[in-house]
């Protein structure tokens, strides 16, 4: 997965049809089904490869949790 190349993954979570990882730098990458906007990309387009979730610049994420149709 090129989007995660050279990134250290700190945590992984898997939902029913999507997944997300948190990098050591506090960024969230997600991929899979996005019917309800659960990837945090600002749209409902399914992604086959990991994409950076849209978060405010100064937000540092330490943990992520994927459920059936959501990501927290």
N, C-alpha and C. Protein backbone atom coordinates (compact mmCIF):
# COMPACT_ATOMS: atom_id res chain seq x y z
N UNK A 1 0.84 -1.18 0.00
CA UNK A 1 0.00 0.00 0.00
C UNK A 1 0.88 1.24 0.00
N UNK A 2 0.96 1.85 -1.13
CA UNK A 2 1.88 2.98 -1.31
C UNK A 2 1.60 4.15 -0.39
N UNK A 3 0.32 4.39 -0.07
CA UNK A 3 -0.02 5.52 0.80
C UNK A 3 0.59 5.37 2.19
N UNK A 4 0.83 4.14 2.61
CA UNK A 4 1.40 3.90 3.93
C UNK A 4 2.89 3.60 3.89
N UNK A 5 3.47 3.63 2.69
CA UNK A 5 4.89 3.37 2.57
C UNK A 5 5.68 4.41 3.36
N UNK A 6 6.65 3.95 4.11
CA UNK A 6 7.53 4.79 4.94
C UNK A 6 6.81 5.42 6.13
N UNK A 7 5.68 4.89 6.50
CA UNK A 7 4.95 5.38 7.68
C UNK A 7 4.95 4.26 8.71
N UNK A 8 5.10 4.64 9.96
CA UNK A 8 5.04 3.65 11.04
C UNK A 8 3.61 3.61 11.57
N UNK A 9 3.00 2.45 11.47
CA UNK A 9 1.62 2.29 11.92
C UNK A 9 1.61 2.00 13.41
N UNK A 10 0.84 2.81 14.15
CA UNK A 10 0.74 2.65 15.60
C UNK A 10 -0.45 1.80 16.00
N UNK A 11 -1.53 1.85 15.19
CA UNK A 11 -2.74 1.13 15.57
C UNK A 11 -3.58 0.85 14.33
N UNK A 12 -4.29 -0.28 14.33
CA UNK A 12 -5.15 -0.69 13.23
C UNK A 12 -6.52 -1.05 13.79
N UNK A 13 -7.58 -0.70 13.04
CA UNK A 13 -8.93 -1.12 13.41
C UNK A 13 -9.67 -1.50 12.13
N UNK A 14 -10.51 -2.53 12.23
CA UNK A 14 -11.24 -3.03 11.07
C UNK A 14 -12.72 -3.06 11.37
N UNK A 15 -13.52 -2.48 10.46
CA UNK A 15 -14.97 -2.52 10.55
C UNK A 15 -15.50 -3.63 9.67
N UNK A 16 -16.79 -3.60 9.38
CA UNK A 16 -17.39 -4.63 8.56
C UNK A 16 -16.84 -4.61 7.13
N UNK A 17 -16.75 -3.41 6.53
CA UNK A 17 -16.29 -3.30 5.15
C UNK A 17 -15.25 -2.20 4.96
N UNK A 18 -14.63 -1.74 6.03
CA UNK A 18 -13.60 -0.73 5.92
C UNK A 18 -12.57 -0.91 7.03
N UNK A 19 -11.44 -0.23 6.88
CA UNK A 19 -10.38 -0.31 7.88
C UNK A 19 -9.71 1.05 8.02
N UNK A 20 -9.03 1.23 9.13
CA UNK A 20 -8.31 2.49 9.37
C UNK A 20 -7.06 2.20 10.18
N UNK A 21 -6.05 3.02 9.97
CA UNK A 21 -4.82 2.93 10.76
C UNK A 21 -4.47 4.32 11.27
N UNK A 22 -3.78 4.34 12.39
CA UNK A 22 -3.22 5.57 12.93
C UNK A 22 -1.71 5.44 12.83
N UNK A 23 -1.06 6.46 12.28
CA UNK A 23 0.40 6.43 12.19
C UNK A 23 1.00 6.99 13.47
N UNK A 24 2.29 6.78 13.65
CA UNK A 24 2.97 7.33 14.82
C UNK A 24 2.88 8.84 14.87
N UNK A 25 2.69 9.48 13.72
CA UNK A 25 2.56 10.92 13.66
C UNK A 25 1.16 11.42 13.94
N UNK A 26 0.22 10.51 14.26
CA UNK A 26 -1.14 10.90 14.62
C UNK A 26 -2.07 11.15 13.45
N UNK A 27 -1.71 10.67 12.27
CA UNK A 27 -2.57 10.80 11.10
C UNK A 27 -3.38 9.53 10.91
N UNK A 28 -4.58 9.67 10.32
CA UNK A 28 -5.47 8.54 10.10
C UNK A 28 -5.58 8.28 8.60
N UNK A 29 -5.33 7.04 8.21
CA UNK A 29 -5.52 6.59 6.84
C UNK A 29 -6.61 5.52 6.86
N UNK A 30 -7.51 5.57 5.89
CA UNK A 30 -8.60 4.60 5.86
C UNK A 30 -8.90 4.17 4.43
N UNK A 31 -9.57 3.03 4.30
CA UNK A 31 -9.94 2.51 2.99
C UNK A 31 -11.09 1.54 3.15
N UNK A 32 -11.77 1.26 2.02
CA UNK A 32 -12.90 0.34 2.01
C UNK A 32 -14.19 1.05 1.68
N UNK A 33 -15.31 0.45 2.11
CA UNK A 33 -16.64 1.02 1.87
C UNK A 33 -16.76 2.37 2.57
N UNK A 34 -17.49 3.27 1.94
CA UNK A 34 -17.63 4.62 2.48
C UNK A 34 -19.06 5.12 2.30
N UNK A 35 -20.03 4.21 2.34
CA UNK A 35 -21.43 4.53 2.09
C UNK A 35 -21.97 5.61 3.03
N UNK A 36 -21.44 5.70 4.22
CA UNK A 36 -21.94 6.63 5.23
C UNK A 36 -20.89 7.68 5.60
N UNK A 37 -19.85 7.82 4.78
CA UNK A 37 -18.79 8.78 5.06
C UNK A 37 -17.83 8.32 6.15
N UNK A 38 -17.81 7.03 6.43
CA UNK A 38 -17.01 6.51 7.54
C UNK A 38 -15.49 6.61 7.32
N UNK A 39 -15.04 6.93 6.11
CA UNK A 39 -13.61 7.06 5.87
C UNK A 39 -13.08 8.45 6.21
N UNK A 40 -13.98 9.40 6.43
CA UNK A 40 -13.54 10.75 6.79
C UNK A 40 -12.92 11.51 5.64
N UNK A 41 -13.38 11.22 4.42
CA UNK A 41 -12.82 11.88 3.24
C UNK A 41 -13.70 13.02 2.74
N UNK A 42 -14.84 13.24 3.36
CA UNK A 42 -15.73 14.31 2.94
C UNK A 42 -16.66 13.92 1.81
N UNK A 43 -16.66 12.65 1.44
CA UNK A 43 -17.56 12.16 0.39
C UNK A 43 -18.02 10.75 0.74
N UNK A 44 -18.67 10.08 -0.18
CA UNK A 44 -19.13 8.71 0.06
C UNK A 44 -18.58 7.75 -0.99
N UNK A 45 -17.39 8.04 -1.49
CA UNK A 45 -16.74 7.22 -2.51
C UNK A 45 -15.92 6.12 -1.85
N UNK A 46 -16.13 4.89 -2.26
CA UNK A 46 -15.35 3.76 -1.77
C UNK A 46 -13.90 3.90 -2.22
N UNK A 47 -12.97 3.56 -1.35
CA UNK A 47 -11.55 3.66 -1.68
C UNK A 47 -10.91 2.27 -1.57
N UNK A 48 -10.18 1.88 -2.59
CA UNK A 48 -9.49 0.59 -2.59
C UNK A 48 -8.15 0.71 -1.87
N UNK A 49 -7.51 1.87 -1.99
CA UNK A 49 -6.22 2.11 -1.34
C UNK A 49 -6.39 3.09 -0.18
N UNK A 50 -5.52 3.03 0.82
CA UNK A 50 -5.62 3.95 1.96
C UNK A 50 -5.52 5.41 1.53
N UNK A 51 -6.37 6.24 2.12
CA UNK A 51 -6.34 7.68 1.89
C UNK A 51 -6.28 8.38 3.24
N UNK A 52 -5.68 9.54 3.24
CA UNK A 52 -5.58 10.34 4.47
C UNK A 52 -6.94 10.92 4.80
N UNK A 53 -7.42 10.69 6.00
CA UNK A 53 -8.71 11.24 6.42
C UNK A 53 -8.57 12.73 6.67
N UNK A 54 -9.61 13.48 6.34
CA UNK A 54 -9.60 14.93 6.49
C UNK A 54 -9.86 15.32 7.94
N UNK A 55 -8.83 15.85 8.58
CA UNK A 55 -8.93 16.31 9.96
C UNK A 55 -8.27 17.69 10.03
N UNK A 56 -8.66 18.52 10.99
CA UNK A 56 -7.97 19.81 11.15
C UNK A 56 -6.47 19.59 11.32
N UNK A 57 -5.67 20.51 10.81
CA UNK A 57 -4.22 20.37 10.76
C UNK A 57 -3.59 20.01 12.10
N UNK A 58 -4.00 20.64 13.15
CA UNK A 58 -3.35 20.44 14.45
C UNK A 58 -3.92 19.29 15.27
N UNK A 59 -4.82 18.51 14.71
CA UNK A 59 -5.41 17.38 15.43
C UNK A 59 -4.45 16.20 15.41
N UNK A 60 -4.17 15.65 16.57
CA UNK A 60 -3.33 14.47 16.72
C UNK A 60 -4.22 13.33 17.20
N UNK A 61 -4.28 12.26 16.44
CA UNK A 61 -5.11 11.10 16.79
C UNK A 61 -4.21 10.02 17.38
N UNK A 62 -4.61 9.46 18.50
CA UNK A 62 -3.82 8.41 19.12
C UNK A 62 -4.47 7.03 18.99
N UNK A 63 -5.76 7.01 18.67
CA UNK A 63 -6.48 5.74 18.59
C UNK A 63 -7.66 5.89 17.66
N UNK A 64 -8.01 4.81 16.95
CA UNK A 64 -9.16 4.81 16.05
C UNK A 64 -9.95 3.53 16.28
N UNK A 65 -11.25 3.60 16.10
CA UNK A 65 -12.11 2.43 16.26
C UNK A 65 -13.10 2.40 15.10
N UNK A 66 -13.12 1.30 14.37
CA UNK A 66 -14.05 1.10 13.26
C UNK A 66 -15.18 0.18 13.70
N UNK A 67 -16.39 0.53 13.33
CA UNK A 67 -17.54 -0.32 13.58
C UNK A 67 -18.18 -0.71 12.27
N UNK A 68 -19.42 -1.13 12.31
CA UNK A 68 -20.12 -1.55 11.11
C UNK A 68 -20.20 -0.48 10.05
N UNK A 69 -20.60 0.72 10.45
CA UNK A 69 -20.78 1.81 9.51
C UNK A 69 -20.25 3.13 10.05
N UNK A 70 -19.25 3.07 10.90
CA UNK A 70 -18.70 4.29 11.48
C UNK A 70 -17.21 4.11 11.79
N UNK A 71 -16.55 5.24 11.99
CA UNK A 71 -15.18 5.28 12.47
C UNK A 71 -15.09 6.39 13.51
N UNK A 72 -14.51 6.10 14.66
CA UNK A 72 -14.35 7.11 15.71
C UNK A 72 -12.87 7.29 15.99
